[in-house]
Amino acid sequence: MTWLLSRQQCSVAGGDLVVMETKEEWAFITEQIQTKTVPDGSNESFIGMEIPDNWKKGEPLKWKNGANFTLTDKWQSGKPTANEGEQRTSSVLISRDYMFKGSLNSIGYDLQRGRICEYKKDCSQAGRVPRCISPTTETLTTETIAASQLTPSSSATTTTIRTNTKTTESAITTSLSTSLPVILPTSSKSSSALSLEVLVVLVLLSVACIILIIIVCVWKHQHRGMHKDAAQWLVDNRNIKVFGTDTLSLDYGPSSDFPTHVALLPRGIIGIEMVANVEKLPPKGATVFVLPMKIGGGTGAPVRMIATIKEPMPINRLPRLAGYLALIAMANMLALLF
């Protein structure tokens, strides 16, 4: 992929193209690229530097974070190159195939290569566990999330529910006899949250204790989600046990403080993300089983969801059933006579 798309992909995952300001960082990256090959088969990967607009040869370059580029001895001979005065001419990559392995090079924007991303620790993020505390994730697929995913800085302060406690198990395994699949197709990219008015219309007459929302149209971090007022309405007006969505988060895509998480999870409502096949359920009457993996102290867990549906008896079985009932009635009559 191109440099711009590579940076976008890093950003989607919460990072950015790598910056190597010190010799130690340079040594670490060059060591890594000796053992890894990028997906497109080349040995060149984009990094966090680009030849700026109207750059003139000989001018200093900077990393994307504004830091000065001091490792000029790492440039391949004759690099960097760019046509003076041309807009957005080149981006920068690192390669392992030259005489000095790991040398920098400049390359046109329209060419495609691999990428190297970095993900820095962020201890200031409120609403969910910051990266410096939880650098890895328990889940990469359909997941149930627990209240322990919230940090103490969240507005709700209640008892933590973790994925290995009896509280969670009880909430998942009791009274889950009805569901309300709600399909909300979107024809364009949207990052708005579902309003309270929409939610009230959808669940006003429902007694479902599992609410499953289908957003359908998901665009990376721009998917729709539940508005905090709608989530609070569920807490105040419906005794639901589980809220699920087919998107990556209960909150809408650009959210940074995760108000829907804060509204639902501390109240014992289990949140499930990346749910599939909800559109195959009937409007009500399905029995849904939620089976999470137990991870002690985790903020979430992979989950398997199973739904059973009571199907009407086939027409061809009705005569047989009528015959059985007639035999039972005849046996009762004979018992009374004798």
C-alpha atoms as a PDB file:
ATOM      1  CA  MET A   1       0.000   0.000   0.000  1.00  0.00           C
ATOM      2  CA  THR A   2       1.019   3.641  -0.401  1.00  0.00           C
ATOM      3  CA  TRP A   3       2.625   5.804   2.298  1.00  0.00           C
ATOM      4  CA  LEU A   4      -0.587   7.689   3.018  1.00  0.00           C
ATOM      5  CA  LEU A   5      -2.661   4.517   3.221  1.00  0.00           C
ATOM      6  CA  SER A   6       0.015   2.882   5.372  1.00  0.00           C
ATOM      7  CA  ARG A   7      -0.158   5.724   7.860  1.00  0.00           C
ATOM      8  CA  GLN A   8      -3.932   5.516   7.859  1.00  0.00           C
ATOM      9  CA  GLN A   9      -3.800   1.796   8.617  1.00  0.00           C
ATOM     10  CA  CYS A  10      -1.452   2.424  11.547  1.00  0.00           C
ATOM     11  CA  SER A  11      -3.825   5.106  12.815  1.00  0.00           C
ATOM     12  CA  VAL A  12      -6.830   2.782  12.642  1.00  0.00           C
ATOM     13  CA  ALA A  13      -5.034   0.421  15.020  1.00  0.00           C
ATOM     14  CA  GLY A  14      -4.214   3.285  17.399  1.00  0.00           C
ATOM     15  CA  GLY A  15      -0.658   4.009  16.283  1.00  0.00           C
ATOM     16  CA  ASP A  16       1.366   5.726  13.595  1.00  0.00           C
ATOM     17  CA  LEU A  17       4.268   5.043  11.268  1.00  0.00           C
ATOM     18  CA  VAL A  18       7.448   4.431  13.228  1.00  0.00           C
ATOM     19  CA  VAL A  19       9.822   7.247  14.216  1.00  0.00           C
ATOM     20  CA  MET A  20      13.482   6.439  14.996  1.00  0.00           C
ATOM     21  CA  GLU A  21      15.039   9.418  16.760  1.00  0.00           C
ATOM     22  CA  THR A  22      17.859   7.551  18.530  1.00  0.00           C
ATOM     23  CA  LYS A  23      20.495   5.033  17.513  1.00  0.00           C
ATOM     24  CA  GLU A  24      18.915   2.527  19.903  1.00  0.00           C
ATOM     25  CA  GLU A  25      15.569   2.804  18.140  1.00  0.00           C
ATOM     26  CA  TRP A  26      17.306   2.526  14.791  1.00  0.00           C
ATOM     27  CA  ALA A  27      19.174  -0.618  15.905  1.00  0.00           C
ATOM     28  CA  PHE A  28      15.976  -2.222  17.168  1.00  0.00           C
ATOM     29  CA  ILE A  29      14.049  -1.594  13.939  1.00  0.00           C
ATOM     30  CA  THR A  30      16.873  -2.696  11.650  1.00  0.00           C
ATOM     31  CA  GLU A  31      17.218  -5.893  13.669  1.00  0.00           C
ATOM     32  CA  GLN A  32      13.512  -6.578  13.290  1.00  0.00           C
ATOM     33  CA  ILE A  33      13.405  -6.071   9.533  1.00  0.00           C
ATOM     34  CA  GLN A  34      16.155  -8.630   8.997  1.00  0.00           C
ATOM     35  CA  THR A  35      13.761 -11.393  10.042  1.00  0.00           C
ATOM     36  CA  LYS A  36      10.445 -10.144   8.647  1.00  0.00           C
ATOM     37  CA  THR A  37       9.121  -9.720   5.131  1.00  0.00           C
ATOM     38  CA  VAL A  38       6.304  -7.323   4.359  1.00  0.00           C
ATOM     39  CA  PRO A  39       3.078  -8.797   2.903  1.00  0.00           C
ATOM     40  CA  ASP A  40       3.591  -7.562  -0.656  1.00  0.00           C
ATOM     41  CA  GLY A  41       6.808  -9.571  -0.939  1.00  0.00           C
ATOM     42  CA  SER A  42       9.246  -6.657  -1.010  1.00  0.00           C
ATOM     43  CA  ASN A  43      11.742  -5.882   1.709  1.00  0.00           C
ATOM     44  CA  GLU A  44      10.922  -2.199   1.905  1.00  0.00           C
ATOM     45  CA  SER A  45       8.597  -0.630   4.461  1.00  0.00           C
ATOM     46  CA  PHE A  46       7.255   2.877   4.933  1.00  0.00           C
ATOM     47  CA  ILE A  47       8.267   4.789   8.070  1.00  0.00           C
ATOM     48  CA  GLY A  48       7.203   8.055   9.678  1.00  0.00           C
ATOM     49  CA  MET A  49       8.897  10.553   7.400  1.00  0.00           C
ATOM     50  CA  GLU A  50       7.920  12.175   4.139  1.00  0.00           C
ATOM     51  CA  ILE A  51       9.539  14.624   1.769  1.00  0.00           C
ATOM     52  CA  PRO A  52       7.526  17.785   2.568  1.00  0.00           C
ATOM     53  CA  ASP A  53       5.785  20.061   0.105  1.00  0.00           C
ATOM     54  CA  ASN A  54       8.130  22.398  -1.813  1.00  0.00           C
ATOM     55  CA  TRP A  55      11.175  20.694  -0.307  1.00  0.00           C
ATOM     56  CA  LYS A  56      14.501  21.748  -1.753  1.00  0.00           C
ATOM     57  CA  LYS A  57      17.432  19.375  -1.893  1.00  0.00           C
ATOM     58  CA  GLY A  58      19.817  19.979   0.980  1.00  0.00           C
ATOM     59  CA  GLU A  59      17.163  21.242   3.373  1.00  0.00           C
ATOM     60  CA  PRO A  60      16.845  19.347   6.685  1.00  0.00           C
ATOM     61  CA  LEU A  61      14.051  16.838   7.044  1.00  0.00           C
ATOM     62  CA  LYS A  62      11.894  16.110  10.063  1.00  0.00           C
ATOM     63  CA  TRP A  63      10.028  13.107  11.360  1.00  0.00           C
ATOM     64  CA  LYS A  64       6.248  13.307  11.234  1.00  0.00           C
ATOM     65  CA  ASN A  65       6.202  14.215  14.956  1.00  0.00           C
ATOM     66  CA  GLY A  66       8.323  17.301  14.272  1.00  0.00           C
ATOM     67  CA  ALA A  67      11.627  15.901  15.559  1.00  0.00           C
ATOM     68  CA  ASN A  68      14.756  16.641  13.559  1.00  0.00           C
ATOM     69  CA  PHE A  69      16.196  13.843  11.465  1.00  0.00           C
ATOM     70  CA  THR A  70      19.775  13.424  12.696  1.00  0.00           C
ATOM     71  CA  LEU A  71      20.630   9.964  11.360  1.00  0.00           C
ATOM     72  CA  THR A  72      21.713  11.316   7.986  1.00  0.00           C
ATOM     73  CA  ASP A  73      24.403   8.655   7.658  1.00  0.00           C
ATOM     74  CA  LYS A  74      21.624   6.119   7.178  1.00  0.00           C
ATOM     75  CA  TRP A  75      20.532   7.492   3.830  1.00  0.00           C
ATOM     76  CA  GLN A  76      21.343   5.324   0.853  1.00  0.00           C
ATOM     77  CA  SER A  77      23.852   6.976  -1.475  1.00  0.00           C
ATOM     78  CA  GLY A  78      22.251   9.798  -3.448  1.00  0.00           C
ATOM     79  CA  LYS A  79      19.159   9.964  -1.268  1.00  0.00           C
ATOM     80  CA  PRO A  80      16.849  11.581  -0.478  1.00  0.00           C
ATOM     81  CA  THR A  81      15.678  12.725  -3.873  1.00  0.00           C
ATOM     82  CA  ALA A  82      12.671  14.755  -4.881  1.00  0.00           C
ATOM     83  CA  ASN A  83      11.737  17.141  -7.664  1.00  0.00           C
ATOM     84  CA  GLU A  84      12.124  20.605  -6.208  1.00  0.00           C
ATOM     85  CA  GLY A  85       8.869  22.522  -5.899  1.00  0.00           C
ATOM     86  CA  GLU A  86       6.652  19.526  -6.652  1.00  0.00           C
ATOM     87  CA  GLN A  87       3.833  18.960  -4.190  1.00  0.00           C
ATOM     88  CA  ARG A  88       3.815  15.755  -2.110  1.00  0.00           C
ATOM     89  CA  THR A  89       6.582  14.214  -4.147  1.00  0.00           C
ATOM     90  CA  SER A  90       7.954  11.403  -2.069  1.00  0.00           C
ATOM     91  CA  SER A  91       7.588   9.410   1.089  1.00  0.00           C
ATOM     92  CA  VAL A  92      10.336   7.608   2.980  1.00  0.00           C
ATOM     93  CA  LEU A  93      10.926   3.921   3.511  1.00  0.00           C
ATOM     94  CA  ILE A  94      13.478   1.637   5.098  1.00  0.00           C
ATOM     95  CA  SER A  95      15.008  -1.346   3.318  1.00  0.00           C
ATOM     96  CA  ARG A  96      17.106  -4.332   4.346  1.00  0.00           C
ATOM     97  CA  ASP A  97      18.435  -5.216   0.895  1.00  0.00           C
ATOM     98  CA  TYR A  98      21.070  -2.545   0.330  1.00  0.00           C
ATOM     99  CA  MET A  99      24.778  -2.692   1.171  1.00  0.00           C
ATOM    100  CA  PHE A 100      24.097  -0.923   4.448  1.00  0.00           C
ATOM    101  CA  LYS A 101      21.113  -2.898   5.645  1.00  0.00           C
ATOM    102  CA  GLY A 102      18.338  -0.742   6.921  1.00  0.00           C
ATOM    103  CA  SER A 103      19.231   2.279   4.813  1.00  0.00           C
ATOM    104  CA  LEU A 104      16.640   4.966   4.216  1.00  0.00           C
ATOM    105  CA  ASN A 105      15.331   5.680   0.763  1.00  0.00           C
ATOM    106  CA  SER A 106      12.819   8.031  -0.841  1.00  0.00           C
ATOM    107  CA  ILE A 107      10.019   6.747  -3.008  1.00  0.00           C
ATOM    108  CA  GLY A 108       7.098   8.178  -4.955  1.00  0.00           C
ATOM    109  CA  TYR A 109       3.681   8.420  -3.319  1.00  0.00           C
ATOM    110  CA  ASP A 110       2.008   6.245  -5.922  1.00  0.00           C
ATOM    111  CA  LEU A 111       4.211   3.208  -5.242  1.00  0.00           C
ATOM    112  CA  GLN A 112       3.210   0.534  -2.763  1.00  0.00           C
ATOM    113  CA  ARG A 113       5.269  -1.065  -0.014  1.00  0.00           C
ATOM    114  CA  GLY A 114       4.863  -2.496   3.468  1.00  0.00           C
ATOM    115  CA  ARG A 115       4.716  -0.465   6.681  1.00  0.00           C
ATOM    116  CA  ILE A 116       6.177  -0.366  10.194  1.00  0.00           C
ATOM    117  CA  CYS A 117       3.850   1.004  12.875  1.00  0.00           C
ATOM    118  CA  GLU A 118       4.506   1.996  16.462  1.00  0.00           C
ATOM    119  CA  TYR A 119       2.082   2.156  19.357  1.00  0.00           C
ATOM    120  CA  LYS A 120       3.080   4.396  22.229  1.00  0.00           C
ATOM    121  CA  LYS A 121       1.824   3.992  25.781  1.00  0.00           C
ATOM    122  CA  ASP A 122      -0.914   6.385  26.799  1.00  0.00           C
ATOM    123  CA  CYS A 123      -1.627   6.613  30.522  1.00  0.00           C
ATOM    124  CA  SER A 124      -3.904   9.636  30.298  1.00  0.00           C
ATOM    125  CA  GLN A 125      -6.826   8.058  28.449  1.00  0.00           C
ATOM    126  CA  ALA A 126     -10.001   8.061  30.547  1.00  0.00           C
ATOM    127  CA  GLY A 127     -12.958   5.735  30.198  1.00  0.00           C
ATOM    128  CA  ARG A 128     -11.113   2.515  29.416  1.00  0.00           C
ATOM    129  CA  VAL A 129      -7.947   0.870  30.631  1.00  0.00           C
ATOM    130  CA  PRO A 130      -4.966   2.851  29.251  1.00  0.00           C
ATOM    131  CA  ARG A 131      -2.321   1.144  27.147  1.00  0.00           C
ATOM    132  CA  CYS A 132       0.346   1.483  29.840  1.00  0.00           C
ATOM    133  CA  ILE A 133      -1.729  -0.755  32.105  1.00  0.00           C
ATOM    134  CA  SER A 134      -3.118  -3.165  29.545  1.00  0.00           C
ATOM    135  CA  PRO A 135      -0.682  -3.350  26.605  1.00  0.00           C
ATOM    136  CA  THR A 136      -2.311  -6.467  25.140  1.00  0.00           C
ATOM    137  CA  THR A 137      -5.876  -7.484  24.399  1.00  0.00           C
ATOM    138  CA  GLU A 138      -7.750 -10.621  25.381  1.00  0.00           C
ATOM    139  CA  THR A 139      -9.896 -10.653  22.281  1.00  0.00           C
ATOM    140  CA  LEU A 140      -9.694 -10.449  18.504  1.00  0.00           C
ATOM    141  CA  THR A 141     -13.194 -11.727  17.714  1.00  0.00           C
ATOM    142  CA  THR A 142     -16.730 -11.632  19.176  1.00  0.00           C
ATOM    143  CA  GLU A 143     -16.170 -10.550  22.763  1.00  0.00           C
ATOM    144  CA  THR A 144     -17.924  -9.885  26.027  1.00  0.00           C
ATOM    145  CA  ILE A 145     -16.628  -6.893  27.957  1.00  0.00           C
ATOM    146  CA  ALA A 146     -16.611  -6.389  31.712  1.00  0.00           C
ATOM    147  CA  ALA A 147     -16.839  -3.336  33.936  1.00  0.00           C
ATOM    148  CA  SER A 148     -13.175  -3.781  34.808  1.00  0.00           C
ATOM    149  CA  GLN A 149     -12.487  -2.361  31.342  1.00  0.00           C
ATOM    150  CA  LEU A 150     -13.318   1.027  32.840  1.00  0.00           C
ATOM    151  CA  THR A 151     -10.703   3.021  34.707  1.00  0.00           C
ATOM    152  CA  PRO A 152     -11.195   4.722  38.084  1.00  0.00           C
ATOM    153  CA  SER A 153     -11.386   8.039  36.224  1.00  0.00           C
ATOM    154  CA  SER A 154     -14.688   7.016  34.648  1.00  0.00           C
ATOM    155  CA  SER A 155     -17.778   8.766  35.965  1.00  0.00           C
ATOM    156  CA  ALA A 156     -19.341   5.561  37.293  1.00  0.00           C
ATOM    157  CA  THR A 157     -17.918   4.122  40.499  1.00  0.00           C
ATOM    158  CA  THR A 158     -19.468   0.745  41.261  1.00  0.00           C
ATOM    159  CA  THR A 159     -18.386  -2.786  42.011  1.00  0.00           C
ATOM    160  CA  THR A 160     -16.157  -4.177  39.296  1.00  0.00           C
ATOM    161  CA  ILE A 161     -17.497  -7.143  37.345  1.00  0.00           C
ATOM    162  CA  ARG A 162     -14.794  -9.355  35.926  1.00  0.00           C
ATOM    163  CA  THR A 163     -15.127 -12.183  33.469  1.00  0.00           C
ATOM    164  CA  ASN A 164     -14.393 -14.884  36.032  1.00  0.00           C
ATOM    165  CA  THR A 165     -16.940 -13.952  38.711  1.00  0.00           C
ATOM    166  CA  LYS A 166     -20.225 -15.583  39.631  1.00  0.00           C
ATOM    167  CA  THR A 167     -21.967 -12.244  39.161  1.00  0.00           C
ATOM    168  CA  THR A 168     -21.168 -12.267  35.476  1.00  0.00           C
ATOM    169  CA  GLU A 169     -22.087 -15.928  35.066  1.00  0.00           C
ATOM    170  CA  SER A 170     -25.446 -15.384  36.761  1.00  0.00           C
ATOM    171  CA  ALA A 171     -26.241 -12.386  34.612  1.00  0.00           C
ATOM    172  CA  ILE A 172     -25.509 -14.348  31.471  1.00  0.00           C
ATOM    173  CA  THR A 173     -27.256 -17.633  32.282  1.00  0.00           C
ATOM    174  CA  THR A 174     -30.555 -16.506  33.844  1.00  0.00           C
ATOM    175  CA  SER A 175     -33.773 -15.463  32.125  1.00  0.00           C
ATOM    176  CA  LEU A 176     -32.320 -15.017  28.665  1.00  0.00           C
ATOM    177  CA  SER A 177     -35.468 -16.113  26.872  1.00  0.00           C
ATOM    178  CA  THR A 178     -36.189 -13.203  24.558  1.00  0.00           C
ATOM    179  CA  SER A 179     -34.191 -11.049  22.215  1.00  0.00           C
ATOM    180  CA  LEU A 180     -34.837  -8.042  20.042  1.00  0.00           C
ATOM    181  CA  PRO A 181     -32.697  -7.911  16.920  1.00  0.00           C
ATOM    182  CA  VAL A 182     -32.766  -4.378  15.580  1.00  0.00           C
ATOM    183  CA  ILE A 183     -31.479  -3.806  12.044  1.00  0.00           C
ATOM    184  CA  LEU A 184     -30.272  -0.290  11.335  1.00  0.00           C
ATOM    185  CA  PRO A 185     -28.867  -0.158   7.782  1.00  0.00           C
ATOM    186  CA  THR A 186     -26.889   2.913   6.813  1.00  0.00           C
ATOM    187  CA  SER A 187     -26.253   3.941   3.242  1.00  0.00           C
ATOM    188  CA  SER A 188     -23.276   6.210   3.923  1.00  0.00           C
ATOM    189  CA  LYS A 189     -20.364   6.574   6.291  1.00  0.00           C
ATOM    190  CA  SER A 190     -21.704   7.660   9.654  1.00  0.00           C
ATOM    191  CA  SER A 191     -20.113   8.093  13.047  1.00  0.00           C
ATOM    192  CA  SER A 192     -23.201   9.393  14.812  1.00  0.00           C
ATOM    193  CA  ALA A 193     -24.622   7.806  17.932  1.00  0.00           C
ATOM    194  CA  LEU A 194     -28.082   6.215  18.014  1.00  0.00           C
ATOM    195  CA  SER A 195     -30.422   8.756  19.583  1.00  0.00           C
ATOM    196  CA  LEU A 196     -32.716   8.228  22.536  1.00  0.00           C
ATOM    197  CA  GLU A 197     -35.781   8.737  20.332  1.00  0.00           C
ATOM    198  CA  VAL A 198     -34.728   5.946  17.984  1.00  0.00           C
ATOM    199  CA  LEU A 199     -34.048   3.558  20.839  1.00  0.00           C
ATOM    200  CA  VAL A 200     -37.357   4.252  22.587  1.00  0.00           C
ATOM    201  CA  VAL A 201     -39.279   3.470  19.417  1.00  0.00           C
ATOM    202  CA  LEU A 202     -37.360   0.236  18.972  1.00  0.00           C
ATOM    203  CA  VAL A 203     -37.761  -1.189  22.465  1.00  0.00           C
ATOM    204  CA  LEU A 204     -40.804   0.584  23.938  1.00  0.00           C
ATOM    205  CA  LEU A 205     -43.036  -2.474  23.682  1.00  0.00           C
ATOM    206  CA  SER A 206     -40.306  -5.009  24.233  1.00  0.00           C
ATOM    207  CA  VAL A 207     -39.580  -6.975  27.399  1.00  0.00           C
ATOM    208  CA  ALA A 208     -36.422  -8.420  25.912  1.00  0.00           C
ATOM    209  CA  CYS A 209     -33.563  -8.917  28.325  1.00  0.00           C
ATOM    210  CA  ILE A 210     -31.092  -9.186  25.441  1.00  0.00           C
ATOM    211  CA  ILE A 211     -30.896  -6.318  22.970  1.00  0.00           C
ATOM    212  CA  LEU A 212     -28.829  -6.925  19.840  1.00  0.00           C
ATOM    213  CA  ILE A 213     -28.223  -4.005  17.488  1.00  0.00           C
ATOM    214  CA  ILE A 214     -27.140  -4.518  13.876  1.00  0.00           C
ATOM    215  CA  ILE A 215     -25.432  -1.441  12.454  1.00  0.00           C
ATOM    216  CA  VAL A 216     -24.670  -3.178   9.115  1.00  0.00           C
ATOM    217  CA  CYS A 217     -22.473  -0.401   7.703  1.00  0.00           C
ATOM    218  CA  VAL A 218     -19.098  -0.391   9.472  1.00  0.00           C
ATOM    219  CA  TRP A 219     -16.284   1.891   8.342  1.00  0.00           C
ATOM    220  CA  LYS A 220     -13.304   1.265  10.612  1.00  0.00           C
ATOM    221  CA  HIS A 221     -13.530   3.845  13.432  1.00  0.00           C
ATOM    222  CA  GLN A 222     -16.485   5.642  11.810  1.00  0.00           C
ATOM    223  CA  HIS A 223     -19.226   3.188  12.744  1.00  0.00           C
ATOM    224  CA  ARG A 224     -22.381   4.217  14.569  1.00  0.00           C
ATOM    225  CA  GLY A 225     -23.017   3.316  18.189  1.00  0.00           C
ATOM    226  CA  MET A 226     -25.292   3.842  21.181  1.00  0.00           C
ATOM    227  CA  HIS A 227     -25.698   7.397  22.500  1.00  0.00           C
ATOM    228  CA  LYS A 228     -25.093   7.799  26.229  1.00  0.00           C
ATOM    229  CA  ASP A 229     -28.666   9.052  26.791  1.00  0.00           C
ATOM    230  CA  ALA A 230     -30.070   6.000  25.044  1.00  0.00           C
ATOM    231  CA  ALA A 231     -27.845   3.726  27.124  1.00  0.00           C
ATOM    232  CA  GLN A 232     -29.002   5.458  30.303  1.00  0.00           C
ATOM    233  CA  TRP A 233     -32.613   5.022  29.200  1.00  0.00           C
ATOM    234  CA  LEU A 234     -32.039   1.288  28.952  1.00  0.00           C
ATOM    235  CA  VAL A 235     -30.605   1.247  32.464  1.00  0.00           C
ATOM    236  CA  ASP A 236     -33.531   3.223  33.899  1.00  0.00           C
ATOM    237  CA  ASN A 237     -36.425   1.682  31.965  1.00  0.00           C
ATOM    238  CA  ARG A 238     -35.523  -1.871  30.965  1.00  0.00           C
ATOM    239  CA  ASN A 239     -34.153  -4.723  33.004  1.00  0.00           C
ATOM    240  CA  ILE A 240     -31.843  -5.966  30.271  1.00  0.00           C
ATOM    241  CA  LYS A 241     -28.930  -8.295  30.971  1.00  0.00           C
ATOM    242  CA  VAL A 242     -27.023  -8.138  27.686  1.00  0.00           C
ATOM    243  CA  PHE A 243     -26.488  -5.471  25.047  1.00  0.00           C
ATOM    244  CA  GLY A 244     -24.723  -6.494  21.850  1.00  0.00           C
ATOM    245  CA  THR A 245     -23.675  -4.890  18.584  1.00  0.00           C
ATOM    246  CA  ASP A 246     -21.979  -6.058  15.389  1.00  0.00           C
ATOM    247  CA  THR A 247     -19.498  -3.162  15.506  1.00  0.00           C
ATOM    248  CA  LEU A 248     -16.091  -2.971  17.196  1.00  0.00           C
ATOM    249  CA  SER A 249     -17.425  -0.994  20.150  1.00  0.00           C
ATOM    250  CA  LEU A 250     -20.642  -0.287  22.032  1.00  0.00           C
ATOM    251  CA  ASP A 251     -19.881   3.412  21.598  1.00  0.00           C
ATOM    252  CA  TYR A 252     -19.804   5.193  18.260  1.00  0.00           C
ATOM    253  CA  GLY A 253     -16.515   5.163  16.389  1.00  0.00           C
ATOM    254  CA  PRO A 254     -14.779   8.461  17.267  1.00  0.00           C
ATOM    255  CA  SER A 255     -15.689   8.263  20.979  1.00  0.00           C
ATOM    256  CA  SER A 256     -12.774   8.834  23.362  1.00  0.00           C
ATOM    257  CA  ASP A 257     -14.526   8.715  26.757  1.00  0.00           C
ATOM    258  CA  PHE A 258     -16.801   5.707  26.028  1.00  0.00           C
ATOM    259  CA  PRO A 259     -19.973   6.969  27.780  1.00  0.00           C
ATOM    260  CA  THR A 260     -22.059   3.956  26.740  1.00  0.00           C
ATOM    261  CA  HIS A 261     -19.542   1.631  28.389  1.00  0.00           C
ATOM    262  CA  VAL A 262     -19.736   3.776  31.524  1.00  0.00           C
ATOM    263  CA  ALA A 263     -23.549   3.729  31.533  1.00  0.00           C
ATOM    264  CA  LEU A 264     -24.036  -0.007  30.974  1.00  0.00           C
ATOM    265  CA  LEU A 265     -21.162  -2.059  32.343  1.00  0.00           C
ATOM    266  CA  PRO A 266     -21.054  -0.957  36.005  1.00  0.00           C
ATOM    267  CA  ARG A 267     -24.792  -1.743  36.270  1.00  0.00           C
ATOM    268  CA  GLY A 268     -24.199  -5.406  35.568  1.00  0.00           C
ATOM    269  CA  ILE A 269     -25.229  -5.238  31.905  1.00  0.00           C
ATOM    270  CA  ILE A 270     -22.945  -7.387  29.793  1.00  0.00           C
ATOM    271  CA  GLY A 271     -21.670  -5.744  26.616  1.00  0.00           C
ATOM    272  CA  ILE A 272     -20.914  -7.882  23.572  1.00  0.00           C
ATOM    273  CA  GLU A 273     -19.124  -6.544  20.509  1.00  0.00           C
ATOM    274  CA  MET A 274     -18.666  -7.914  16.978  1.00  0.00           C
ATOM    275  CA  VAL A 275     -21.808 -10.076  17.089  1.00  0.00           C
ATOM    276  CA  ALA A 276     -22.596 -11.913  13.852  1.00  0.00           C
ATOM    277  CA  ASN A 277     -25.750 -13.326  12.222  1.00  0.00           C
ATOM    278  CA  VAL A 278     -28.224 -11.385  14.373  1.00  0.00           C
ATOM    279  CA  GLU A 279     -30.304 -10.719  11.270  1.00  0.00           C
ATOM    280  CA  LYS A 280     -31.192 -14.425  11.191  1.00  0.00           C
ATOM    281  CA  LEU A 281     -33.078 -14.219  14.509  1.00  0.00           C
ATOM    282  CA  PRO A 282     -36.856 -13.628  14.700  1.00  0.00           C
ATOM    283  CA  PRO A 283     -38.141 -10.347  16.209  1.00  0.00           C
ATOM    284  CA  LYS A 284     -38.703 -12.126  19.543  1.00  0.00           C
ATOM    285  CA  GLY A 285     -38.724 -15.532  21.160  1.00  0.00           C
ATOM    286  CA  ALA A 286     -35.159 -16.687  20.530  1.00  0.00           C
ATOM    287  CA  THR A 287     -33.227 -18.177  23.425  1.00  0.00           C
ATOM    288  CA  VAL A 288     -29.686 -16.854  23.401  1.00  0.00           C
ATOM    289  CA  PHE A 289     -26.780 -18.456  25.250  1.00  0.00           C
ATOM    290  CA  VAL A 290     -23.689 -16.341  25.941  1.00  0.00           C
ATOM    291  CA  LEU A 291     -20.585 -18.422  26.667  1.00  0.00           C
ATOM    292  CA  PRO A 292     -17.495 -16.342  27.534  1.00  0.00           C
ATOM    293  CA  MET A 293     -14.031 -17.674  28.193  1.00  0.00           C
ATOM    294  CA  LYS A 294     -13.032 -17.168  31.833  1.00  0.00           C
ATOM    295  CA  ILE A 295     -10.032 -14.860  32.072  1.00  0.00           C
ATOM    296  CA  GLY A 296      -9.129 -13.934  35.626  1.00  0.00           C
ATOM    297  CA  GLY A 297      -8.984 -10.183  36.069  1.00  0.00           C
ATOM    298  CA  GLY A 298      -9.553  -9.558  32.378  1.00  0.00           C
ATOM    299  CA  THR A 299     -11.330  -6.613  30.823  1.00  0.00           C
ATOM    300  CA  GLY A 300     -13.113  -8.904  28.383  1.00  0.00           C
ATOM    301  CA  ALA A 301     -13.061 -12.339  26.840  1.00  0.00           C
ATOM    302  CA  PRO A 302     -13.770 -14.171  23.588  1.00  0.00           C
ATOM    303  CA  VAL A 303     -17.360 -15.350  23.601  1.00  0.00           C
ATOM    304  CA  ARG A 304     -19.473 -17.879  21.746  1.00  0.00           C
ATOM    305  CA  MET A 305     -23.118 -16.981  21.254  1.00  0.00           C
ATOM    306  CA  ILE A 306     -25.713 -19.638  20.461  1.00  0.00           C
ATOM    307  CA  ALA A 307     -29.365 -18.955  19.682  1.00  0.00           C
ATOM    308  CA  THR A 308     -32.162 -21.526  19.600  1.00  0.00           C
ATOM    309  CA  ILE A 309     -35.501 -20.920  17.895  1.00  0.00           C
ATOM    310  CA  LYS A 310     -38.741 -22.825  18.455  1.00  0.00           C
ATOM    311  CA  GLU A 311     -39.980 -23.845  15.036  1.00  0.00           C
ATOM    312  CA  PRO A 312     -43.683 -24.641  14.402  1.00  0.00           C
ATOM    313  CA  MET A 313     -44.583 -28.289  14.025  1.00  0.00           C
ATOM    314  CA  PRO A 314     -44.500 -29.416  10.366  1.00  0.00           C
ATOM    315  CA  ILE A 315     -47.909 -29.972   8.781  1.00  0.00           C
ATOM    316  CA  ASN A 316     -47.118 -33.602   7.921  1.00  0.00           C
ATOM    317  CA  ARG A 317     -46.763 -34.462  11.611  1.00  0.00           C
ATOM    318  CA  LEU A 318     -50.217 -33.238  12.591  1.00  0.00           C
ATOM    319  CA  PRO A 319     -52.153 -36.382  11.452  1.00  0.00           C
ATOM    320  CA  ARG A 320     -49.760 -38.607  13.400  1.00  0.00           C
ATOM    321  CA  LEU A 321     -50.216 -36.467  16.502  1.00  0.00           C
ATOM    322  CA  ALA A 322     -54.003 -36.598  16.101  1.00  0.00           C
ATOM    323  CA  GLY A 323     -53.834 -40.390  15.930  1.00  0.00           C
ATOM    324  CA  TYR A 324     -51.814 -40.566  19.152  1.00  0.00           C
ATOM    325  CA  LEU A 325     -54.317 -38.324  20.921  1.00  0.00           C
ATOM    326  CA  ALA A 326     -57.228 -40.492  19.717  1.00  0.00           C
ATOM    327  CA  LEU A 327     -55.547 -43.641  21.060  1.00  0.00           C
ATOM    328  CA  ILE A 328     -54.976 -41.987  24.432  1.00  0.00           C
ATOM    329  CA  ALA A 329     -58.622 -40.880  24.608  1.00  0.00           C
ATOM    330  CA  MET A 330     -59.825 -44.394  23.692  1.00  0.00           C
ATOM    331  CA  ALA A 331     -57.598 -45.918  26.373  1.00  0.00           C
ATOM    332  CA  ASN A 332     -59.039 -43.564  28.989  1.00  0.00           C
ATOM    333  CA  MET A 333     -62.600 -44.488  27.979  1.00  0.00           C
ATOM    334  CA  LEU A 334     -61.855 -48.205  28.223  1.00  0.00           C
ATOM    335  CA  ALA A 335     -60.310 -47.663  31.653  1.00  0.00           C
ATOM    336  CA  LEU A 336     -63.535 -46.013  32.843  1.00  0.00           C
ATOM    337  CA  LEU A 337     -65.681 -48.856  31.488  1.00  0.00           C
ATOM    338  CA  PHE A 338     -63.681 -51.588  33.129  1.00  0.00           C
END
